[in-house]
Amino acid sequence: MFESMTYTARRNIVIFGGFLIHLCLGSFYAFGNISPYIMSYLRNRTQETWLVNTQNSWIMNAAAISAPIGSITGSYIERNHGVRIAVGIGCVLFCSGVLLTYFAIQRSLYIVALTYGFITNLGTFMAYGPPVQNAAKWMPARPALAVGLIVGGFGLGAFV
């Protein structure tokens, strides 16, 4: 399929694909909007009736811990196995973290911090870097434009 495409068409597909990946990954940062609902659910439907809204910082602290781990791991996998593998593993972790949060929210804030905070953000940052690096390689004359288009998807993800 790609053999018959021109360089420009391939470059556009790479950039558009990276934009879509980042659009999905950026949804993690809608956490500020869903946080009161998570805390209310945990307070009213679990044994953790003592929770207050400020304790949602546990989730973002877990996310902050996983960000450098995910970035380093994603870069290592991309360098040794390719962009597709690194992004694929990152996206699987991202989706698994969101899925596991469905079950974790019925148990404990700390399990939610592990699933939504750590696992989801680990996947986010494993899949964050490789599309950006790849796009910069596909547009050597204007790498900042390529990176900006893709990272714009990350910011737009929380908005959407």
C-alpha atoms as a PDB file:
ATOM      1  CA  MET A   1       0.000   0.000   0.000  1.00  0.00           C
ATOM      2  CA  PHE A   2       2.665   2.522   0.994  1.00  0.00           C
ATOM      3  CA  GLU A   3       4.990   1.664  -1.906  1.00  0.00           C
ATOM      4  CA  SER A   4       2.852   3.508  -4.449  1.00  0.00           C
ATOM      5  CA  MET A   5       2.370   6.613  -2.301  1.00  0.00           C
ATOM      6  CA  THR A   6       4.439   9.728  -2.753  1.00  0.00           C
ATOM      7  CA  TYR A   7       6.711  11.043  -0.041  1.00  0.00           C
ATOM      8  CA  THR A   8       4.333  13.937   0.639  1.00  0.00           C
ATOM      9  CA  ALA A   9       1.340  11.630   1.067  1.00  0.00           C
ATOM     10  CA  ARG A  10       3.276   9.414   3.481  1.00  0.00           C
ATOM     11  CA  ARG A  11       4.446  12.436   5.448  1.00  0.00           C
ATOM     12  CA  ASN A  12       0.879  13.707   5.756  1.00  0.00           C
ATOM     13  CA  ILE A  13      -0.335  10.306   6.952  1.00  0.00           C
ATOM     14  CA  VAL A  14       2.436  10.155   9.564  1.00  0.00           C
ATOM     15  CA  ILE A  15       1.566  13.617  10.873  1.00  0.00           C
ATOM     16  CA  PHE A  16      -2.186  13.024  10.836  1.00  0.00           C
ATOM     17  CA  GLY A  17      -1.755   9.653  12.577  1.00  0.00           C
ATOM     18  CA  GLY A  18       0.443  11.230  15.252  1.00  0.00           C
ATOM     19  CA  PHE A  19      -2.165  13.969  15.709  1.00  0.00           C
ATOM     20  CA  LEU A  20      -4.915  11.365  16.223  1.00  0.00           C
ATOM     21  CA  ILE A  21      -2.800   9.401  18.701  1.00  0.00           C
ATOM     22  CA  HIS A  22      -2.125  12.546  20.702  1.00  0.00           C
ATOM     23  CA  LEU A  23      -5.773  13.557  20.498  1.00  0.00           C
ATOM     24  CA  CYS A  24      -6.667  10.325  22.296  1.00  0.00           C
ATOM     25  CA  LEU A  25      -3.811  10.540  24.798  1.00  0.00           C
ATOM     26  CA  GLY A  26      -4.681  14.124  25.702  1.00  0.00           C
ATOM     27  CA  SER A  27      -7.979  12.980  27.143  1.00  0.00           C
ATOM     28  CA  PHE A  28      -6.067  12.066  30.321  1.00  0.00           C
ATOM     29  CA  TYR A  29      -5.887  15.762  31.174  1.00  0.00           C
ATOM     30  CA  ALA A  30      -9.648  16.069  31.396  1.00  0.00           C
ATOM     31  CA  PHE A  31      -9.055  14.674  34.877  1.00  0.00           C
ATOM     32  CA  GLY A  32      -9.823  18.022  36.459  1.00  0.00           C
ATOM     33  CA  ASN A  33     -13.359  17.805  35.114  1.00  0.00           C
ATOM     34  CA  ILE A  34     -14.048  14.235  36.214  1.00  0.00           C
ATOM     35  CA  SER A  35     -12.217  14.408  39.540  1.00  0.00           C
ATOM     36  CA  PRO A  36     -15.184  15.660  41.620  1.00  0.00           C
ATOM     37  CA  TYR A  37     -17.322  12.846  40.253  1.00  0.00           C
ATOM     38  CA  ILE A  38     -14.668  10.244  41.029  1.00  0.00           C
ATOM     39  CA  MET A  39     -14.304  11.500  44.589  1.00  0.00           C
ATOM     40  CA  SER A  40     -18.075  11.685  45.088  1.00  0.00           C
ATOM     41  CA  TYR A  41     -18.499   8.146  43.797  1.00  0.00           C
ATOM     42  CA  LEU A  42     -15.760   6.836  46.071  1.00  0.00           C
ATOM     43  CA  ARG A  43     -17.178   8.708  49.066  1.00  0.00           C
ATOM     44  CA  ASN A  44     -20.779   7.541  48.524  1.00  0.00           C
ATOM     45  CA  ARG A  45     -20.322   4.018  47.159  1.00  0.00           C
ATOM     46  CA  THR A  46     -17.296   2.602  48.952  1.00  0.00           C
ATOM     47  CA  GLN A  47     -16.127   2.258  52.538  1.00  0.00           C
ATOM     48  CA  GLU A  48     -14.007   5.394  52.112  1.00  0.00           C
ATOM     49  CA  THR A  49     -16.609   7.854  53.405  1.00  0.00           C
ATOM     50  CA  TRP A  50     -13.854  10.005  54.915  1.00  0.00           C
ATOM     51  CA  LEU A  51     -12.508  11.147  51.524  1.00  0.00           C
ATOM     52  CA  VAL A  52     -12.370  14.837  50.644  1.00  0.00           C
ATOM     53  CA  ASN A  53     -11.850  16.326  47.181  1.00  0.00           C
ATOM     54  CA  THR A  54      -8.289  17.419  47.887  1.00  0.00           C
ATOM     55  CA  GLN A  55      -7.216  13.800  48.209  1.00  0.00           C
ATOM     56  CA  ASN A  56      -7.549  13.420  44.451  1.00  0.00           C
ATOM     57  CA  SER A  57      -3.945  14.637  44.412  1.00  0.00           C
ATOM     58  CA  TRP A  58      -2.953  10.988  44.983  1.00  0.00           C
ATOM     59  CA  ILE A  59      -4.053  10.242  41.436  1.00  0.00           C
ATOM     60  CA  MET A  60      -2.022  13.061  39.890  1.00  0.00           C
ATOM     61  CA  ASN A  61       0.980  12.238  42.091  1.00  0.00           C
ATOM     62  CA  ALA A  62       0.929   8.693  40.735  1.00  0.00           C
ATOM     63  CA  ALA A  63       0.721  10.169  37.241  1.00  0.00           C
ATOM     64  CA  ALA A  64       3.721  12.409  37.916  1.00  0.00           C
ATOM     65  CA  ILE A  65       5.766   9.410  39.026  1.00  0.00           C
ATOM     66  CA  SER A  66       4.907   7.416  35.913  1.00  0.00           C
ATOM     67  CA  ALA A  67       5.636  10.165  33.365  1.00  0.00           C
ATOM     68  CA  PRO A  68       9.456   9.887  33.319  1.00  0.00           C
ATOM     69  CA  ILE A  69       9.292   6.103  33.512  1.00  0.00           C
ATOM     70  CA  GLY A  70       6.965   6.015  30.504  1.00  0.00           C
ATOM     71  CA  SER A  71       9.067   8.473  28.512  1.00  0.00           C
ATOM     72  CA  ILE A  72      12.280   6.556  29.073  1.00  0.00           C
ATOM     73  CA  THR A  73      10.647   3.197  28.389  1.00  0.00           C
ATOM     74  CA  GLY A  74       8.895   4.477  25.258  1.00  0.00           C
ATOM     75  CA  SER A  75      12.149   5.900  23.881  1.00  0.00           C
ATOM     76  CA  TYR A  76      13.967   2.649  24.568  1.00  0.00           C
ATOM     77  CA  ILE A  77      11.295   0.548  22.870  1.00  0.00           C
ATOM     78  CA  GLU A  78      11.116   2.947  19.914  1.00  0.00           C
ATOM     79  CA  ARG A  79      14.860   2.846  19.411  1.00  0.00           C
ATOM     80  CA  ASN A  80      15.095  -0.953  19.607  1.00  0.00           C
ATOM     81  CA  HIS A  81      11.770  -2.117  18.144  1.00  0.00           C
ATOM     82  CA  GLY A  82      10.288   0.784  16.187  1.00  0.00           C
ATOM     83  CA  VAL A  83       7.667   3.467  16.503  1.00  0.00           C
ATOM     84  CA  ARG A  84       4.666   1.206  15.925  1.00  0.00           C
ATOM     85  CA  ILE A  85       5.604  -1.182  18.716  1.00  0.00           C
ATOM     86  CA  ALA A  86       6.280   1.627  21.214  1.00  0.00           C
ATOM     87  CA  VAL A  87       3.050   3.442  20.402  1.00  0.00           C
ATOM     88  CA  GLY A  88       1.095   0.181  20.393  1.00  0.00           C
ATOM     89  CA  ILE A  89       2.315  -0.819  23.842  1.00  0.00           C
ATOM     90  CA  GLY A  90       1.696   2.683  25.158  1.00  0.00           C
ATOM     91  CA  CYS A  91      -1.845   2.770  23.778  1.00  0.00           C
ATOM     92  CA  VAL A  92      -2.624  -0.666  25.197  1.00  0.00           C
ATOM     93  CA  LEU A  93      -1.425   0.482  28.628  1.00  0.00           C
ATOM     94  CA  PHE A  94      -3.419   3.717  28.330  1.00  0.00           C
ATOM     95  CA  CYS A  95      -6.634   1.873  27.453  1.00  0.00           C
ATOM     96  CA  SER A  96      -6.000  -0.831  30.054  1.00  0.00           C
ATOM     97  CA  GLY A  97      -5.559   1.786  32.760  1.00  0.00           C
ATOM     98  CA  VAL A  98      -8.881   3.399  31.891  1.00  0.00           C
ATOM     99  CA  LEU A  99     -10.585  -0.012  31.757  1.00  0.00           C
ATOM    100  CA  LEU A 100      -9.115  -1.104  35.088  1.00  0.00           C
ATOM    101  CA  THR A 101     -10.251   2.162  36.649  1.00  0.00           C
ATOM    102  CA  TYR A 102     -13.835   1.057  36.050  1.00  0.00           C
ATOM    103  CA  PHE A 103     -13.237  -1.800  38.497  1.00  0.00           C
ATOM    104  CA  ALA A 104     -10.897   0.131  40.807  1.00  0.00           C
ATOM    105  CA  ILE A 105     -13.362   2.941  41.448  1.00  0.00           C
ATOM    106  CA  GLN A 106     -15.618   0.433  43.164  1.00  0.00           C
ATOM    107  CA  ARG A 107     -12.861  -0.362  45.677  1.00  0.00           C
ATOM    108  CA  SER A 108     -10.448   2.372  46.756  1.00  0.00           C
ATOM    109  CA  LEU A 109      -8.878   5.724  45.931  1.00  0.00           C
ATOM    110  CA  TYR A 110      -5.424   4.183  46.072  1.00  0.00           C
ATOM    111  CA  ILE A 111      -6.294   1.551  43.493  1.00  0.00           C
ATOM    112  CA  VAL A 112      -7.720   4.318  41.274  1.00  0.00           C
ATOM    113  CA  ALA A 113      -4.421   6.161  41.718  1.00  0.00           C
ATOM    114  CA  LEU A 114      -2.616   3.031  40.547  1.00  0.00           C
ATOM    115  CA  THR A 115      -4.879   2.377  37.550  1.00  0.00           C
ATOM    116  CA  TYR A 116      -5.870   5.826  36.304  1.00  0.00           C
ATOM    117  CA  GLY A 117      -2.897   7.730  37.662  1.00  0.00           C
ATOM    118  CA  PHE A 118       0.036   5.385  37.159  1.00  0.00           C
ATOM    119  CA  ILE A 119      -0.921   2.881  34.440  1.00  0.00           C
ATOM    120  CA  THR A 120      -2.857   5.284  32.217  1.00  0.00           C
ATOM    121  CA  ASN A 121      -0.180   7.971  32.386  1.00  0.00           C
ATOM    122  CA  LEU A 122       2.574   5.390  31.891  1.00  0.00           C
ATOM    123  CA  GLY A 123       0.911   4.434  28.625  1.00  0.00           C
ATOM    124  CA  THR A 124       0.400   8.085  27.728  1.00  0.00           C
ATOM    125  CA  PHE A 125       4.064   8.917  27.965  1.00  0.00           C
ATOM    126  CA  MET A 126       5.215   5.687  26.343  1.00  0.00           C
ATOM    127  CA  ALA A 127       3.148   6.668  23.301  1.00  0.00           C
ATOM    128  CA  TYR A 128       3.841  10.423  23.531  1.00  0.00           C
ATOM    129  CA  GLY A 129       7.401  10.702  22.259  1.00  0.00           C
ATOM    130  CA  PRO A 130       7.712   8.303  19.308  1.00  0.00           C
ATOM    131  CA  PRO A 131       5.139  10.006  17.022  1.00  0.00           C
ATOM    132  CA  VAL A 132       6.726  13.385  17.726  1.00  0.00           C
ATOM    133  CA  GLN A 133      10.230  12.135  16.940  1.00  0.00           C
ATOM    134  CA  ASN A 134       8.995  10.331  13.850  1.00  0.00           C
ATOM    135  CA  ALA A 135       7.178  13.382  12.503  1.00  0.00           C
ATOM    136  CA  ALA A 136      10.283  15.522  12.936  1.00  0.00           C
ATOM    137  CA  LYS A 137      12.207  12.998  10.822  1.00  0.00           C
ATOM    138  CA  TRP A 138       9.559  13.104   8.091  1.00  0.00           C
ATOM    139  CA  MET A 139       9.704  16.909   7.863  1.00  0.00           C
ATOM    140  CA  PRO A 140      13.422  17.703   8.147  1.00  0.00           C
ATOM    141  CA  ALA A 141      12.955  21.181   6.628  1.00  0.00           C
ATOM    142  CA  ARG A 142      10.269  22.172   9.186  1.00  0.00           C
ATOM    143  CA  PRO A 143      10.491  19.872  12.216  1.00  0.00           C
ATOM    144  CA  ALA A 144       8.952  22.429  14.585  1.00  0.00           C
ATOM    145  CA  LEU A 145       5.821  22.588  12.440  1.00  0.00           C
ATOM    146  CA  ALA A 146       5.488  18.800  12.472  1.00  0.00           C
ATOM    147  CA  VAL A 147       5.966  18.618  16.235  1.00  0.00           C
ATOM    148  CA  GLY A 148       3.550  21.492  16.803  1.00  0.00           C
ATOM    149  CA  LEU A 149       0.820  19.872  14.729  1.00  0.00           C
ATOM    150  CA  ILE A 150       1.083  16.628  16.644  1.00  0.00           C
ATOM    151  CA  VAL A 151       1.409  18.114  20.120  1.00  0.00           C
ATOM    152  CA  GLY A 152      -1.578  20.334  19.288  1.00  0.00           C
ATOM    153  CA  GLY A 153      -3.586  17.125  19.249  1.00  0.00           C
ATOM    154  CA  PHE A 154      -2.524  16.441  22.833  1.00  0.00           C
ATOM    155  CA  GLY A 155      -3.841  19.777  24.007  1.00  0.00           C
ATOM    156  CA  LEU A 156      -7.005  19.429  21.958  1.00  0.00           C
ATOM    157  CA  GLY A 157      -7.656  15.986  23.480  1.00  0.00           C
ATOM    158  CA  ALA A 158      -8.547  17.413  26.877  1.00  0.00           C
ATOM    159  CA  PHE A 159     -10.763  19.992  25.231  1.00  0.00           C
ATOM    160  CA  VAL A 160     -12.657  17.463  23.134  1.00  0.00           C
END
